Amino acid sequence: MRFRLALALLSGRLIGSAARLSGRGGGTALPGLAANRLYPDLLPEMTGRIPEGVILVSGTNGKTTTSRLLALMLTSGGKRVLHNRTGSNLIRGIAATIVASSHLDGRPVGDIGLFETDEAVLPVLLRQVQPRVIVLNNLFRDQLDRYGELDSLYRSWERALTTLDPAVHLVVNADDPALARLGELATGPVTYFGLDSAELALSELPHAADSGACPRCKKPLVYSAVYVSHLGAYHCPNCGFSRPQLDVLATEIALHGTTHTELTLCGLYGEHRLRMNVPGLYNVYNGLAATAAAYQAALPWDAVERGYSGFSAAFGRFERIHAEGRNIVLTLVKNPVGCNEVLRMLSSEPSREPLLIIINDQTADGRDVSWLWDADFELLASMQGPIITSGLRAADMAVRLKYAGIDPVQIHVEERIPAALRRAMDATSAGGTLRVMPTYTAMLALRAHMGEFGWVEPYWEE
């Protein structure tokens, strides 16, 4: 048995090295797939050997940013972290992280495991891994061809989470009613995080909101504050269900365009004024999730603070790149909610610089791109610069922009990503900023092209 485990780890490691040497990838998935086939008990056995246990981070949006920020907090607190940093978050990606971070005799090289987990994979993973903490960010409609309707994904989470060992600690976004209901049903302790910022609240649920119904009795919820999609402060006048009391919360939030955010953090660590080096209200949620998990990992405040001060955007998540005397900001989009927050942010900073939107419909993006019609591209109608559409669904994106009221003269279609990037860069003024909104596979293709010019490092080396 010990020999088979060593063989699985060695084989996975060799496959990963070959992938990187060939230039075909970073070995972020295939090594795990091979090792799992050779030794099916790899994950339960190896994660059980991690001295301080495992933290899982899941949800529709924010997994990569949350886990990267939490990893920095843990590292600042002196922990050696096993972390699928590249965002390879299926079973094989987590297994690949284990392979790359273990001795051949089966000893993990780390104190604590931190694994970002695809929301559809979470129930499957929980049959193999006994975590110490599970962080639940949000549940939004995303990739209907993969996940199905949101209710079906919620039910699979409910089945998995309500049968957990009572020792497992949940960290839950209380502003998401469905997740708050899961916290109510939990068998073990729960820490809740959320916002308290009336000045940033929307007046009503946006049309792209996924749910406004009480998860307990299915009657309409009443909101006193709406922040992002269906996230906010709510109660049900029919059954009394309401947002739980917040253990970690953000107040006095100041959004500074596409550069940074300031907030007052309150709760378990006391009260502190902080700066996040990433923009957007949804990144405030990511920061709160990481902070609440850090507390459950027994990190001192100074480690958390160092994590915030040293954090920068994950690849493609408001990542800033400097090239040819210009700035490039990459903002990954993959569903209506996340896209709307990006659009909300971009429209708050009027600019004559170009905007490049790259839409693919490969498996990792979701084959169904009908979500483009739920996103509020009308927010771009006041833009004065050119908008270039690219990718496999460049023409579909251009049609959506025309229906959003964008002047057709501003819209330029260039399906080939390298050509679209060149056109967008040429249209960007010296010292100016090119904003790019790619879907997932489009982002990887774009960054690969940028890597050829030496503008970025491969994401698995960052």
Protein backbone atom coordinates (compact mmCIF):
# COMPACT_ATOMS: atom_id res chain seq x y z
CA MET A 1 0.00 0.00 0.00
CA ARG A 2 2.80 2.39 0.92
CA PHE A 3 4.60 1.47 -2.32
CA ARG A 4 1.48 2.25 -4.41
CA LEU A 5 1.13 5.64 -2.74
CA ALA A 6 4.79 6.46 -3.41
CA LEU A 7 4.38 5.32 -7.02
CA ALA A 8 1.28 7.53 -7.45
CA LEU A 9 3.05 10.58 -6.02
CA LEU A 10 6.18 9.98 -8.13
CA SER A 11 4.18 9.41 -11.32
CA GLY A 12 2.14 12.54 -10.77
CA ARG A 13 5.24 14.57 -10.12
CA LEU A 14 6.97 13.32 -13.29
CA ILE A 15 3.87 14.05 -15.38
CA GLY A 16 3.73 17.57 -13.95
CA SER A 17 7.39 18.20 -14.76
CA ALA A 18 6.91 16.92 -18.30
CA ALA A 19 3.90 19.20 -18.82
CA ARG A 20 5.85 22.27 -17.71
CA LEU A 21 8.96 21.37 -19.72
CA SER A 22 6.88 20.84 -22.85
CA GLY A 23 5.30 24.26 -22.44
CA ARG A 24 1.82 22.75 -22.69
CA GLY A 25 0.72 23.77 -19.22
CA GLY A 26 1.61 24.09 -15.59
CA GLY A 27 0.84 20.55 -14.51
CA THR A 28 -2.10 21.81 -12.46
CA ALA A 29 -4.54 18.96 -13.22
CA LEU A 30 -3.09 15.97 -15.11
CA PRO A 31 -0.71 14.92 -12.29
CA GLY A 32 -3.66 14.68 -9.91
CA LEU A 33 -5.74 12.73 -12.40
CA ALA A 34 -2.93 10.19 -12.87
CA ALA A 35 -2.13 9.90 -9.17
CA ASN A 36 -5.79 9.40 -8.27
CA ARG A 37 -6.12 6.57 -10.76
CA LEU A 38 -3.06 4.84 -9.36
CA TYR A 39 -4.12 5.40 -5.75
CA PRO A 40 -7.87 6.14 -5.37
CA ASP A 41 -7.54 6.88 -1.65
CA LEU A 42 -5.02 9.65 -2.31
CA LEU A 43 -7.19 12.56 -1.14
CA PRO A 44 -8.68 11.09 2.06
CA GLU A 45 -5.37 9.61 3.14
CA MET A 46 -3.15 12.59 2.33
CA THR A 47 -5.47 15.34 3.59
CA GLY A 48 -5.88 13.38 6.81
CA ARG A 49 -2.14 13.73 7.36
CA ILE A 50 -2.04 17.54 7.11
CA PRO A 51 -1.25 18.60 10.71
CA GLU A 52 -3.67 21.53 11.06
CA GLY A 53 -6.38 20.20 8.80
CA VAL A 54 -8.03 21.52 5.66
CA ILE A 55 -9.95 24.70 4.77
CA LEU A 56 -12.26 24.51 1.73
CA VAL A 57 -13.45 27.64 -0.10
CA SER A 58 -16.43 27.36 -2.44
CA GLY A 59 -19.11 29.43 -4.13
CA THR A 60 -19.93 30.81 -7.55
CA ASN A 61 -17.81 33.97 -7.46
CA GLY A 62 -14.73 34.96 -5.48
CA LYS A 63 -13.15 31.57 -4.74
CA THR A 64 -9.72 32.38 -6.14
CA THR A 65 -9.46 35.85 -4.62
CA THR A 66 -10.70 34.67 -1.21
CA SER A 67 -8.36 31.70 -1.06
CA ARG A 68 -5.34 33.72 -2.24
CA LEU A 69 -5.96 36.38 0.38
CA LEU A 70 -6.45 33.76 3.07
CA ALA A 71 -3.27 31.98 1.95
CA LEU A 72 -1.33 35.21 2.37
CA MET A 73 -2.79 35.68 5.86
CA LEU A 74 -1.83 32.12 6.79
CA THR A 75 1.68 32.54 5.40
CA SER A 76 2.03 35.84 7.27
CA GLY A 77 1.09 33.91 10.41
CA GLY A 78 3.99 31.50 9.86
CA LYS A 79 1.98 28.66 8.33
CA ARG A 80 3.19 26.50 5.44
CA VAL A 81 0.16 26.25 3.17
CA LEU A 82 -0.80 23.56 0.66
CA HIS A 83 -2.87 25.64 -1.73
CA ASN A 84 -4.18 25.11 -5.27
CA ARG A 85 -3.09 28.65 -6.04
CA THR A 86 -3.62 28.40 -9.79
CA GLY A 87 -7.37 27.97 -9.33
CA SER A 88 -7.43 24.37 -10.61
CA ASN A 89 -10.37 23.53 -8.38
CA LEU A 90 -11.74 20.18 -9.52
CA ILE A 91 -10.79 16.93 -7.76
CA ARG A 92 -7.82 16.43 -10.08
CA GLY A 93 -6.54 19.97 -9.43
CA ILE A 94 -6.65 19.51 -5.66
CA ALA A 95 -4.96 16.12 -6.02
CA ALA A 96 -2.27 17.74 -8.19
CA THR A 97 -1.58 20.21 -5.38
CA ILE A 98 -1.18 17.29 -2.96
CA VAL A 99 1.19 15.54 -5.38
CA ALA A 100 3.35 18.63 -5.78
CA SER A 101 3.45 19.33 -2.04
CA SER A 102 4.24 15.93 -0.52
CA HIS A 103 7.26 13.74 0.15
CA LEU A 104 7.25 10.39 -1.61
CA ASP A 105 6.80 8.65 1.74
CA GLY A 106 3.38 10.35 2.03
CA ARG A 107 4.25 13.25 4.32
CA PRO A 108 2.62 16.54 3.22
CA VAL A 109 5.00 19.50 3.03
CA GLY A 110 2.82 21.95 4.92
CA ASP A 111 0.95 22.77 8.09
CA ILE A 112 -2.51 23.45 6.69
CA GLY A 113 -4.41 22.70 3.50
CA LEU A 114 -6.33 25.45 1.68
CA PHE A 115 -8.29 24.33 -1.35
CA GLU A 116 -10.51 26.39 -3.61
CA THR A 117 -13.32 24.08 -4.70
CA ASP A 118 -15.69 24.21 -7.66
CA GLU A 119 -19.23 24.59 -6.38
CA ALA A 120 -20.50 21.50 -8.24
CA VAL A 121 -17.56 19.45 -6.93
CA LEU A 122 -17.96 20.43 -3.26
CA PRO A 123 -20.46 17.64 -2.37
CA VAL A 124 -18.25 15.07 -4.10
CA LEU A 125 -15.13 16.33 -2.38
CA LEU A 126 -16.79 16.18 1.03
CA ARG A 127 -17.16 12.42 0.58
CA GLN A 128 -13.35 12.20 0.43
CA VAL A 129 -12.08 15.04 2.62
CA GLN A 130 -12.94 15.87 6.22
CA PRO A 131 -12.31 19.63 6.41
CA ARG A 132 -11.72 21.75 9.47
CA VAL A 133 -13.45 24.82 7.97
CA ILE A 134 -15.68 25.34 4.92
CA VAL A 135 -16.06 28.86 3.51
CA LEU A 136 -19.26 29.50 1.51
CA ASN A 137 -19.04 32.69 -0.54
CA ASN A 138 -22.29 32.86 -2.54
CA LEU A 139 -24.54 30.99 -4.95
CA PHE A 140 -25.38 32.64 -8.27
CA ARG A 141 -26.68 31.31 -11.57
CA ASP A 142 -23.66 30.20 -13.59
CA GLN A 143 -23.05 27.85 -16.54
CA LEU A 144 -26.49 26.25 -16.75
CA ASP A 145 -25.10 23.51 -19.00
CA ARG A 146 -22.77 22.37 -16.18
CA TYR A 147 -24.61 23.17 -12.96
CA GLY A 148 -28.26 23.16 -13.95
CA GLU A 149 -30.71 25.41 -12.16
CA LEU A 150 -29.55 27.13 -8.99
CA ASP A 151 -32.08 25.23 -6.88
CA SER A 152 -30.57 21.88 -7.86
CA LEU A 153 -27.08 23.03 -6.89
CA TYR A 154 -28.42 24.35 -3.58
CA ARG A 155 -30.11 21.02 -2.83
CA SER A 156 -26.87 19.14 -3.46
CA TRP A 157 -25.08 21.47 -1.04
CA GLU A 158 -27.86 21.03 1.52
CA ARG A 159 -27.58 17.24 1.38
CA ALA A 160 -23.79 17.36 1.78
CA LEU A 161 -23.53 20.09 4.42
CA THR A 162 -26.32 18.95 6.72
CA THR A 163 -24.65 15.56 7.18
CA LEU A 164 -21.23 16.91 8.12
CA ASP A 165 -19.40 15.97 11.26
CA PRO A 166 -20.44 18.53 13.95
CA ALA A 167 -16.76 19.43 14.37
CA VAL A 168 -16.69 21.10 10.93
CA HIS A 169 -16.96 24.90 11.18
CA LEU A 170 -18.90 26.75 8.48
CA VAL A 171 -18.01 30.31 7.44
CA VAL A 172 -21.09 31.64 5.67
CA ASN A 173 -22.02 34.77 3.71
CA ALA A 174 -25.11 35.80 5.70
CA ASP A 175 -26.15 38.26 2.98
CA ASP A 176 -27.03 35.32 0.71
CA PRO A 177 -30.40 33.98 1.96
CA ALA A 178 -29.79 30.47 0.64
CA LEU A 179 -26.46 30.21 2.41
CA ALA A 180 -27.93 31.65 5.61
CA ARG A 181 -30.50 28.84 5.47
CA LEU A 182 -27.66 26.31 5.18
CA GLY A 183 -26.11 27.88 8.25
CA GLU A 184 -29.42 27.50 10.06
CA LEU A 185 -29.47 23.79 9.18
CA ALA A 186 -25.80 23.17 10.01
CA THR A 187 -24.88 20.52 12.55
CA GLY A 188 -21.81 22.40 13.81
CA PRO A 189 -20.67 25.97 14.57
CA VAL A 190 -21.21 28.78 12.04
CA THR A 191 -19.51 32.15 11.59
CA TYR A 192 -21.46 34.70 9.54
CA PHE A 193 -20.07 37.61 7.52
CA GLY A 194 -21.74 40.40 5.56
CA LEU A 195 -22.03 44.12 4.83
CA ASP A 196 -23.53 46.99 6.77
CA SER A 197 -23.25 49.91 4.35
CA ALA A 198 -26.54 51.66 3.65
CA GLU A 199 -24.81 54.27 1.49
CA LEU A 200 -23.89 51.60 -1.10
CA ALA A 201 -27.21 49.76 -1.05
CA LEU A 202 -29.29 49.51 -4.23
CA SER A 203 -32.89 50.69 -4.08
CA GLU A 204 -34.29 47.34 -5.27
CA LEU A 205 -33.31 43.90 -6.43
CA PRO A 206 -31.68 44.12 -9.89
CA HIS A 207 -33.39 42.26 -12.71
CA ALA A 208 -30.48 39.78 -12.87
CA ALA A 209 -30.96 38.80 -9.23
CA ASP A 210 -31.23 35.02 -8.93
CA SER A 211 -33.68 34.84 -6.05
CA GLY A 212 -35.88 37.00 -3.88
CA ALA A 213 -37.74 34.15 -2.21
CA CYS A 214 -37.41 32.95 1.35
CA PRO A 215 -35.42 29.68 1.33
CA ARG A 216 -37.50 28.40 4.25
CA CYS A 217 -41.12 29.07 3.17
CA LYS A 218 -40.67 30.30 -0.47
CA LYS A 219 -42.58 33.54 0.14
CA PRO A 220 -41.07 36.87 -1.07
CA LEU A 221 -38.33 38.34 1.09
CA VAL A 222 -38.36 42.00 2.10
CA TYR A 223 -35.00 43.74 1.78
CA SER A 224 -33.86 46.73 3.81
CA ALA A 225 -30.60 46.83 1.81
CA VAL A 226 -29.49 45.21 -1.48
CA TYR A 227 -25.77 45.13 -2.24
CA VAL A 228 -24.99 42.66 -5.05
CA SER A 229 -27.69 40.68 -6.90
CA HIS A 230 -29.81 39.07 -4.14
CA LEU A 231 -27.20 39.67 -1.42
CA GLY A 232 -28.24 42.08 1.31
CA ALA A 233 -30.17 42.56 4.56
CA TYR A 234 -33.55 40.81 4.41
CA HIS A 235 -36.37 39.24 6.36
CA CYS A 236 -39.42 37.14 5.60
CA PRO A 237 -42.68 38.63 6.93
CA ASN A 238 -44.35 35.23 6.54
CA CYS A 239 -42.14 32.85 8.57
CA GLY A 240 -39.72 35.22 10.32
CA PHE A 241 -36.57 34.00 8.54
CA SER A 242 -34.01 36.83 8.46
CA ARG A 243 -30.35 37.59 7.95
CA PRO A 244 -28.38 36.17 10.91
CA GLN A 245 -26.39 38.40 13.21
CA LEU A 246 -23.03 39.19 11.61
CA ASP A 247 -19.83 38.02 13.30
CA VAL A 248 -17.54 39.76 10.79
CA LEU A 249 -18.78 42.80 8.90
CA ALA A 250 -17.67 45.73 6.78
CA THR A 251 -18.92 49.28 7.33
CA GLU A 252 -17.95 52.72 6.00
CA ILE A 253 -16.96 51.27 2.62
CA ALA A 254 -15.30 53.64 0.13
CA LEU A 255 -14.96 52.34 -3.44
CA HIS A 256 -12.11 53.92 -5.40
CA GLY A 257 -12.92 53.01 -8.99
CA THR A 258 -10.79 50.25 -10.46
CA THR A 259 -7.86 50.72 -8.06
CA HIS A 260 -8.69 49.92 -4.42
CA THR A 261 -11.27 49.90 -1.64
CA GLU A 262 -11.28 51.21 1.92
CA LEU A 263 -13.47 49.80 4.68
CA THR A 264 -13.89 49.46 8.41
CA LEU A 265 -13.68 45.84 9.52
CA CYS A 266 -15.69 45.00 12.64
CA GLY A 267 -16.39 41.90 14.65
CA LEU A 268 -14.21 39.06 15.86
CA TYR A 269 -10.93 40.97 15.55
CA GLY A 270 -12.33 44.23 16.90
CA GLU A 271 -12.56 47.35 14.72
CA HIS A 272 -9.91 48.29 12.14
CA ARG A 273 -9.74 50.65 9.17
CA LEU A 274 -8.30 48.80 6.16
CA ARG A 275 -7.31 49.26 2.54
CA MET A 276 -7.84 46.44 0.04
CA ASN A 277 -5.61 46.62 -3.02
CA VAL A 278 -8.41 45.34 -5.22
CA PRO A 279 -11.58 47.19 -6.22
CA GLY A 280 -15.26 46.37 -6.03
CA LEU A 281 -17.92 45.54 -3.50
CA TYR A 282 -17.68 41.83 -4.21
CA ASN A 283 -14.02 41.91 -3.17
CA VAL A 284 -15.14 43.29 0.19
CA TYR A 285 -17.14 40.08 0.56
CA ASN A 286 -14.02 38.09 -0.36
CA GLY A 287 -12.02 39.93 2.28
CA LEU A 288 -14.65 39.25 4.95
CA ALA A 289 -14.72 35.55 4.06
CA ALA A 290 -10.94 35.31 4.33
CA THR A 291 -10.93 37.21 7.64
CA ALA A 292 -13.59 34.97 9.20
CA ALA A 293 -11.72 31.84 8.09
CA ALA A 294 -8.44 33.26 9.41
CA TYR A 295 -10.06 33.67 12.82
CA GLN A 296 -11.16 30.04 12.82
CA ALA A 297 -7.58 29.09 11.91
CA ALA A 298 -6.49 30.89 15.10
CA LEU A 299 -4.46 33.54 13.28
CA PRO A 300 -3.54 36.69 15.23
CA TRP A 301 -4.72 40.06 13.94
CA ASP A 302 -1.26 41.17 12.81
CA ALA A 303 -1.10 38.22 10.37
CA VAL A 304 -4.49 39.17 8.95
CA GLU A 305 -3.44 42.80 8.60
CA ARG A 306 -0.21 41.82 6.82
CA GLY A 307 -2.28 39.70 4.46
CA TYR A 308 -4.45 42.67 3.51
CA SER A 309 -1.50 45.04 3.05
CA GLY A 310 0.48 42.60 0.92
CA PHE A 311 -2.37 41.37 -1.26
CA SER A 312 -2.71 42.08 -4.97
CA ALA A 313 -5.19 40.80 -7.53
CA ALA A 314 -5.16 37.16 -8.61
CA PHE A 315 -4.49 36.57 -12.29
CA GLY A 316 -7.34 37.93 -14.38
CA ARG A 317 -9.27 39.26 -11.36
CA PHE A 318 -8.65 42.98 -11.76
CA GLU A 319 -5.05 42.11 -12.50
CA ARG A 320 -3.03 45.14 -13.60
CA ILE A 321 -0.34 44.71 -16.25
CA HIS A 322 2.06 47.33 -17.60
CA ALA A 323 3.11 46.96 -21.23
CA GLU A 324 4.34 49.28 -24.00
CA GLY A 325 3.90 52.33 -21.81
CA ARG A 326 0.25 51.49 -21.17
CA ASN A 327 -1.74 49.82 -18.40
CA ILE A 328 -3.98 46.81 -18.93
CA VAL A 329 -6.65 45.78 -16.43
CA LEU A 330 -8.04 42.25 -16.79
CA THR A 331 -11.48 41.67 -15.28
CA LEU A 332 -12.74 38.10 -15.59
CA VAL A 333 -16.48 37.79 -16.34
CA LYS A 334 -18.47 34.57 -16.35
CA ASN A 335 -22.06 35.23 -15.25
CA PRO A 336 -24.56 38.12 -15.03
CA VAL A 337 -23.86 39.03 -11.40
CA GLY A 338 -20.09 39.25 -11.70
CA CYS A 339 -20.34 40.98 -15.07
CA ASN A 340 -22.77 43.57 -13.68
CA GLU A 341 -20.37 44.45 -10.87
CA VAL A 342 -17.56 44.96 -13.37
CA LEU A 343 -19.83 47.10 -15.55
CA ARG A 344 -20.96 49.07 -12.51
CA MET A 345 -17.35 49.79 -11.66
CA LEU A 346 -16.24 50.70 -15.20
CA SER A 347 -19.19 53.03 -15.70
CA SER A 348 -18.22 54.90 -12.50
CA GLU A 349 -14.98 55.97 -14.22
CA PRO A 350 -15.87 57.59 -17.59
CA SER A 351 -13.07 57.11 -20.09
CA ARG A 352 -12.26 57.63 -23.74
CA GLU A 353 -9.88 54.66 -23.68
CA PRO A 354 -10.91 51.43 -25.43
CA LEU A 355 -12.67 48.48 -23.87
CA LEU A 356 -11.91 44.95 -25.09
CA ILE A 357 -14.57 42.28 -24.44
CA ILE A 358 -13.57 38.68 -25.24
CA ILE A 359 -16.30 36.04 -25.07
CA ASN A 360 -15.67 32.33 -25.53
CA ASP A 361 -18.13 29.46 -25.14
CA GLN A 362 -15.83 26.56 -24.43
CA THR A 363 -16.61 24.03 -21.70
CA ALA A 364 -14.86 25.98 -18.94
CA ASP A 365 -16.77 29.14 -19.91
CA GLY A 366 -20.16 27.49 -20.25
CA ARG A 367 -21.58 26.71 -23.68
CA ASP A 368 -24.67 28.83 -23.09
CA VAL A 369 -23.92 32.55 -23.51
CA SER A 370 -27.52 33.72 -23.09
CA TRP A 371 -26.36 35.30 -19.81
CA LEU A 372 -25.02 38.20 -21.89
CA TRP A 373 -28.61 39.40 -22.23
CA ASP A 374 -29.08 39.49 -18.46
CA ALA A 375 -25.96 41.60 -17.86
CA ASP A 376 -26.45 45.37 -17.79
CA PHE A 377 -24.32 46.38 -20.78
CA GLU A 378 -26.58 49.42 -21.01
CA LEU A 379 -24.23 50.91 -18.38
CA LEU A 380 -21.66 51.32 -21.16
CA ALA A 381 -23.92 53.53 -23.28
CA SER A 382 -22.18 56.68 -22.04
CA MET A 383 -18.73 55.40 -23.04
CA GLN A 384 -17.01 57.46 -25.69
CA GLY A 385 -14.13 55.17 -26.56
CA PRO A 386 -14.12 52.20 -28.95
CA ILE A 387 -15.40 48.82 -27.80
CA ILE A 388 -13.71 45.85 -29.45
CA THR A 389 -15.37 42.44 -29.26
CA SER A 390 -13.35 39.27 -29.73
CA GLY A 391 -13.34 35.54 -29.10
CA LEU A 392 -15.53 32.74 -30.39
CA ARG A 393 -18.71 34.72 -29.70
CA ALA A 394 -17.44 38.15 -30.76
CA ALA A 395 -20.38 38.70 -33.12
CA ASP A 396 -22.94 37.79 -30.42
CA MET A 397 -21.31 40.29 -28.07
CA ALA A 398 -21.43 43.00 -30.73
CA VAL A 399 -25.15 42.39 -31.24
CA ARG A 400 -25.74 42.62 -27.49
CA LEU A 401 -23.92 45.97 -27.41
CA LYS A 402 -26.05 47.36 -30.24
CA TYR A 403 -29.21 46.43 -28.32
CA ALA A 404 -27.69 48.09 -25.23
CA GLY A 405 -27.69 51.41 -27.07
CA ILE A 406 -23.99 51.58 -27.95
CA ASP A 407 -23.30 53.63 -31.08
CA PRO A 408 -22.49 51.06 -33.81
CA VAL A 409 -19.60 53.27 -34.91
CA GLN A 410 -17.89 52.48 -31.60
CA ILE A 411 -18.21 48.69 -31.97
CA HIS A 412 -15.44 46.77 -33.72
CA VAL A 413 -15.47 42.99 -34.20
CA GLU A 414 -12.20 41.07 -34.33
CA GLU A 415 -12.59 37.37 -33.54
CA ARG A 416 -8.86 36.62 -33.34
CA ILE A 417 -7.67 37.47 -29.83
CA PRO A 418 -4.08 38.47 -30.77
CA ALA A 419 -5.34 40.84 -33.45
CA ALA A 420 -7.98 42.27 -31.12
CA LEU A 421 -5.38 42.90 -28.42
CA ARG A 422 -3.10 44.63 -30.91
CA ARG A 423 -5.94 46.81 -32.15
CA ALA A 424 -6.97 47.71 -28.60
CA MET A 425 -3.40 48.52 -27.56
CA ASP A 426 -2.92 50.77 -30.59
CA ALA A 427 -6.10 52.64 -29.64
CA THR A 428 -4.94 53.16 -26.04
CA SER A 429 -3.14 56.41 -25.36
CA ALA A 430 0.40 56.50 -23.94
CA GLY A 431 0.06 56.13 -20.18
CA GLY A 432 -3.61 55.21 -20.60
CA THR A 433 -5.48 52.13 -19.44
CA LEU A 434 -6.98 49.39 -21.58
CA ARG A 435 -9.84 47.61 -19.79
CA VAL A 436 -10.36 43.96 -20.81
CA MET A 437 -13.38 41.79 -19.95
CA PRO A 438 -12.62 38.15 -20.89
CA THR A 439 -14.36 34.90 -20.07
CA TYR A 440 -12.20 32.19 -18.49
CA THR A 441 -10.68 30.45 -21.52
CA ALA A 442 -10.38 33.80 -23.27
CA MET A 443 -8.39 35.10 -20.30
CA LEU A 444 -6.02 32.14 -20.45
CA ALA A 445 -5.54 32.60 -24.20
CA LEU A 446 -5.00 36.34 -23.77
CA ARG A 447 -2.45 35.87 -20.99
CA ALA A 448 -0.63 33.21 -23.03
CA HIS A 449 -0.32 35.73 -25.85
CA MET A 450 0.89 38.39 -23.40
CA GLY A 451 3.40 35.88 -22.06
CA GLU A 452 4.92 35.52 -25.52
CA PHE A 453 5.76 39.22 -25.34
CA GLY A 454 7.12 38.93 -21.82
CA TRP A 455 4.32 41.05 -20.35
CA VAL A 456 3.23 38.42 -17.80
CA GLU A 457 4.50 35.21 -16.22
CA PRO A 458 2.54 31.97 -16.71
CA TYR A 459 -0.19 31.91 -14.07
CA TRP A 460 1.19 28.72 -12.48
CA GLU A 461 4.51 30.50 -11.79
CA GLU A 462 3.08 33.62 -10.16
